[in-house]
């Protein structure tokens, strides 16, 4: 399924300007529902500027209205944007996030040891030397490295990480781990998010105070 050219920015706009459910937005933008929740709660790693998919001719208002009227409706892309292809070479990481790389690498090494150093290097944008130093605990800053989910740190998307883990598991002949963060509570979480969105979009407007009728006595009373 085609996705918006800038999925996170598009999700931010849809959260702020529509009453679509987080599940609908996640499906349309190709994101994990928890990523959409983080954007809505302003807890995403990066503060995003919304991108209007209607002006970008990726989504019509008619589709948005259909989605708002039916929480189970799946939004359809108006046209597939020209996909940006990654060039060969290491992934570019903003300067502000480069200090988070060791934490992200340590997390992958701990939770997914089957992933090769080369694959980690491409995902995070680092060198095999750095990865080996973190694994062997010879990294110069090892005392301050704390394993953290690279998705939470904004170093990669959930889809990229899931694809990497699935590929490594297949190559190693093991079963790819499933995302259990929503297991058992998935429907409850989705319903809670829908209820919160509904409540936020139906806040009653404050009623104006009724006009006070003045009498001759009240006007001249001191």
Protein backbone atom coordinates (compact mmCIF):
# COMPACT_ATOMS: atom_id res chain seq x y z
CA UNK A 1 0.00 0.00 0.00
CA UNK A 2 1.33 3.44 -0.97
CA UNK A 3 2.18 5.77 1.89
CA UNK A 4 2.46 9.56 2.21
CA UNK A 5 5.81 11.04 1.27
CA UNK A 6 6.28 12.35 4.82
CA UNK A 7 4.35 9.91 7.04
CA UNK A 8 5.18 11.37 10.47
CA UNK A 9 4.42 14.96 9.41
CA UNK A 10 1.21 13.77 7.72
CA UNK A 11 0.17 11.89 10.87
CA UNK A 12 0.79 15.04 12.92
CA UNK A 13 -1.52 17.05 10.64
CA UNK A 14 -4.26 14.39 10.72
CA UNK A 15 -4.09 14.21 14.52
CA UNK A 16 -4.44 18.00 14.83
CA UNK A 17 -7.03 18.61 12.12
CA UNK A 18 -9.33 15.58 12.00
CA UNK A 19 -11.20 13.25 14.33
CA UNK A 20 -9.83 10.14 12.61
CA UNK A 21 -8.86 7.34 15.00
CA UNK A 22 -5.19 6.69 15.76
CA UNK A 23 -5.61 3.29 14.10
CA UNK A 24 -6.84 4.88 10.84
CA UNK A 25 -3.99 7.41 10.85
CA UNK A 26 -1.41 4.71 11.60
CA UNK A 27 -2.72 2.52 8.78
CA UNK A 28 -2.75 5.37 6.25
CA UNK A 29 0.71 6.65 7.18
CA UNK A 30 2.32 3.24 7.58
CA UNK A 31 3.18 3.83 11.23
CA UNK A 32 2.76 1.89 14.46
CA UNK A 33 -0.27 3.03 16.47
CA UNK A 34 2.04 3.87 19.39
CA UNK A 35 4.03 6.20 17.13
CA UNK A 36 0.80 8.08 16.34
CA UNK A 37 -0.04 8.21 20.04
CA UNK A 38 3.40 9.67 20.78
CA UNK A 39 2.84 12.35 18.13
CA UNK A 40 -0.57 13.19 19.61
CA UNK A 41 0.80 13.34 23.15
CA UNK A 42 3.77 15.49 22.08
CA UNK A 43 6.12 12.82 23.37
CA UNK A 44 7.63 11.96 19.99
CA UNK A 45 11.41 12.26 19.80
CA UNK A 46 11.10 15.14 17.33
CA UNK A 47 8.52 17.95 17.31
CA UNK A 48 6.89 17.73 13.90
CA UNK A 49 5.41 20.36 11.63
CA UNK A 50 2.21 18.97 10.16
CA UNK A 51 1.99 18.32 6.42
CA UNK A 52 -1.45 18.65 4.82
CA UNK A 53 -2.09 15.51 2.70
CA UNK A 54 -5.05 17.23 1.02
CA UNK A 55 -2.88 20.03 -0.36
CA UNK A 56 -0.28 17.42 -1.29
CA UNK A 57 -2.99 15.61 -3.32
CA UNK A 58 -2.44 12.40 -1.35
CA UNK A 59 -5.84 12.40 0.38
CA UNK A 60 -9.21 13.98 -0.37
CA UNK A 61 -11.55 15.65 2.10
CA UNK A 62 -14.19 13.15 0.98
CA UNK A 63 -11.95 10.30 2.20
CA UNK A 64 -11.34 12.08 5.50
CA UNK A 65 -15.08 12.59 6.02
CA UNK A 66 -15.75 8.91 5.28
CA UNK A 67 -13.12 7.96 7.84
CA UNK A 68 -14.51 10.31 10.48
CA UNK A 69 -17.99 8.90 9.98
CA UNK A 70 -16.82 5.27 10.24
CA UNK A 71 -13.90 4.32 12.58
CA UNK A 72 -13.47 1.05 10.64
CA UNK A 73 -13.06 2.76 7.27
CA UNK A 74 -9.63 2.38 5.66
CA UNK A 75 -8.43 5.60 4.04
CA UNK A 76 -7.38 5.33 0.40
CA UNK A 77 -4.41 7.21 -1.01
CA UNK A 78 -5.40 9.55 -3.83
CA UNK A 79 -2.12 8.96 -5.61
CA UNK A 80 1.11 7.24 -4.78
CA UNK A 81 3.82 9.83 -4.08
CA UNK A 82 7.16 9.46 -5.71
CA UNK A 83 9.06 7.37 -3.21
CA UNK A 84 12.39 8.73 -2.07
CA UNK A 85 15.04 6.08 -2.54
CA UNK A 86 17.86 5.87 -0.07
CA UNK A 87 21.25 6.35 -1.59
CA UNK A 88 24.06 3.95 -0.81
CA UNK A 89 26.17 4.76 2.18
CA UNK A 90 25.53 5.29 5.88
CA UNK A 91 22.21 6.67 7.06
CA UNK A 92 22.28 10.38 7.87
CA UNK A 93 21.45 11.16 11.48
CA UNK A 94 20.86 14.73 12.75
CA UNK A 95 23.64 16.03 14.98
CA UNK A 96 21.23 16.30 17.92
CA UNK A 97 20.57 12.56 17.80
CA UNK A 98 24.07 11.23 17.21
CA UNK A 99 24.76 11.01 20.93
CA UNK A 100 21.79 8.60 21.18
CA UNK A 101 23.24 6.09 18.72
CA UNK A 102 25.21 4.02 21.28
CA UNK A 103 22.05 3.57 23.38
CA UNK A 104 20.11 2.38 20.33
CA UNK A 105 22.91 0.00 19.29
CA UNK A 106 23.10 -1.45 22.81
CA UNK A 107 19.35 -2.08 22.78
CA UNK A 108 19.50 -4.02 19.51
CA UNK A 109 22.50 -6.04 20.68
CA UNK A 110 20.66 -6.97 23.88
CA UNK A 111 17.24 -7.76 22.45
CA UNK A 112 18.12 -8.96 18.94
CA UNK A 113 21.59 -10.57 18.97
CA UNK A 114 20.75 -12.34 15.69
CA UNK A 115 20.97 -9.04 13.76
CA UNK A 116 24.32 -8.66 12.00
CA UNK A 117 26.68 -5.76 12.64
CA UNK A 118 26.32 -4.71 9.01
CA UNK A 119 22.54 -4.52 9.31
CA UNK A 120 22.75 -2.52 12.55
CA UNK A 121 25.23 -0.16 10.91
CA UNK A 122 22.85 0.54 8.02
CA UNK A 123 19.84 0.99 10.29
CA UNK A 124 21.48 3.31 12.83
CA UNK A 125 24.15 4.83 10.60
CA UNK A 126 27.27 3.71 12.44
CA UNK A 127 30.43 1.64 11.99
CA UNK A 128 31.21 -1.99 12.76
CA UNK A 129 34.02 -0.78 15.03
CA UNK A 130 31.59 1.15 17.22
CA UNK A 131 29.17 -1.79 17.36
CA UNK A 132 31.96 -4.20 18.33
CA UNK A 133 33.21 -1.82 21.04
CA UNK A 134 29.73 -1.60 22.57
CA UNK A 135 29.29 -5.37 22.44
CA UNK A 136 32.71 -5.98 24.02
CA UNK A 137 32.14 -3.14 26.51
CA UNK A 138 35.35 -1.42 25.40
CA UNK A 139 33.58 1.69 24.12
CA UNK A 140 35.09 4.88 25.59
CA UNK A 141 31.73 5.92 27.04
CA UNK A 142 30.44 2.46 28.01
CA UNK A 143 29.69 3.53 31.62
CA UNK A 144 27.04 5.98 30.36
CA UNK A 145 25.47 3.81 27.65
CA UNK A 146 21.93 2.71 28.53
CA UNK A 147 20.08 0.40 26.09
CA UNK A 148 17.09 2.28 24.66
CA UNK A 149 14.66 1.44 21.87
CA UNK A 150 16.01 3.13 18.69
CA UNK A 151 12.43 3.86 17.58
CA UNK A 152 11.77 5.82 20.78
CA UNK A 153 15.04 7.67 20.24
CA UNK A 154 13.97 8.62 16.72
CA UNK A 155 16.88 6.79 15.07
CA UNK A 156 14.62 4.65 12.86
CA UNK A 157 10.95 3.82 12.32
CA UNK A 158 9.14 0.87 13.86
CA UNK A 159 8.62 -0.61 10.40
CA UNK A 160 12.32 -0.44 9.60
CA UNK A 161 13.23 -2.13 12.87
CA UNK A 162 10.56 -4.82 12.45
CA UNK A 163 11.74 -5.56 8.90
CA UNK A 164 15.36 -5.78 10.04
CA UNK A 165 14.54 -8.18 12.88
CA UNK A 166 12.31 -10.35 10.67
CA UNK A 167 15.02 -10.62 8.01
CA UNK A 168 17.70 -11.51 10.57
CA UNK A 169 15.44 -14.10 12.21
CA UNK A 170 14.72 -15.73 8.87
CA UNK A 171 18.43 -15.89 8.03
CA UNK A 172 19.15 -17.42 11.44
CA UNK A 173 16.34 -19.94 11.06
CA UNK A 174 14.46 -18.73 14.12
CA UNK A 175 10.97 -17.37 14.58
CA UNK A 176 10.78 -13.59 14.41
CA UNK A 177 9.60 -12.11 17.72
CA UNK A 178 6.19 -10.48 17.61
CA UNK A 179 5.38 -7.05 18.95
CA UNK A 180 3.71 -7.84 22.27
CA UNK A 181 3.31 -4.28 23.48
CA UNK A 182 -0.36 -4.35 22.53
CA UNK A 183 -0.95 -8.05 23.16
CA UNK A 184 -4.08 -8.65 25.22
CA UNK A 185 -4.72 -4.94 25.65
CA UNK A 186 -4.77 -3.96 21.98
CA UNK A 187 -8.52 -3.55 21.63
CA UNK A 188 -8.79 -1.90 25.04
CA UNK A 189 -6.06 0.58 24.14
CA UNK A 190 -7.64 1.38 20.78
CA UNK A 191 -11.04 1.93 22.40
CA UNK A 192 -9.47 4.14 25.06
CA UNK A 193 -7.70 6.22 22.42
CA UNK A 194 -10.92 6.55 20.42
CA UNK A 195 -12.81 7.64 23.52
CA UNK A 196 -10.16 10.23 24.37
CA UNK A 197 -10.21 11.61 20.82
CA UNK A 198 -14.03 11.77 20.87
CA UNK A 199 -14.09 13.50 24.24
CA UNK A 200 -11.47 16.01 23.12
CA UNK A 201 -13.42 16.85 19.96
CA UNK A 202 -16.76 17.21 21.77
CA UNK A 203 -15.86 19.53 24.61
CA UNK A 204 -18.96 21.67 25.30
CA UNK A 205 -18.44 25.35 24.68
CA UNK A 206 -18.80 27.54 27.78
CA UNK A 207 -22.26 29.04 28.01
CA UNK A 208 -22.56 32.79 28.02
CA UNK A 209 -24.03 34.31 31.14
CA UNK A 210 -27.62 35.38 30.74
CA UNK A 211 -27.99 39.15 30.30
CA UNK A 212 -28.89 40.97 33.50
CA UNK A 213 -32.07 42.99 33.31
CA UNK A 214 -31.66 46.33 35.04
CA UNK A 215 -34.43 48.23 36.76
CA UNK A 216 -34.56 51.87 37.68
CA UNK A 217 -33.88 50.88 41.28
CA UNK A 218 -30.76 48.83 40.42
CA UNK A 219 -29.36 51.50 38.11
CA UNK A 220 -29.50 54.26 40.70
CA UNK A 221 -28.69 52.14 43.73
CA UNK A 222 -25.37 53.08 45.38
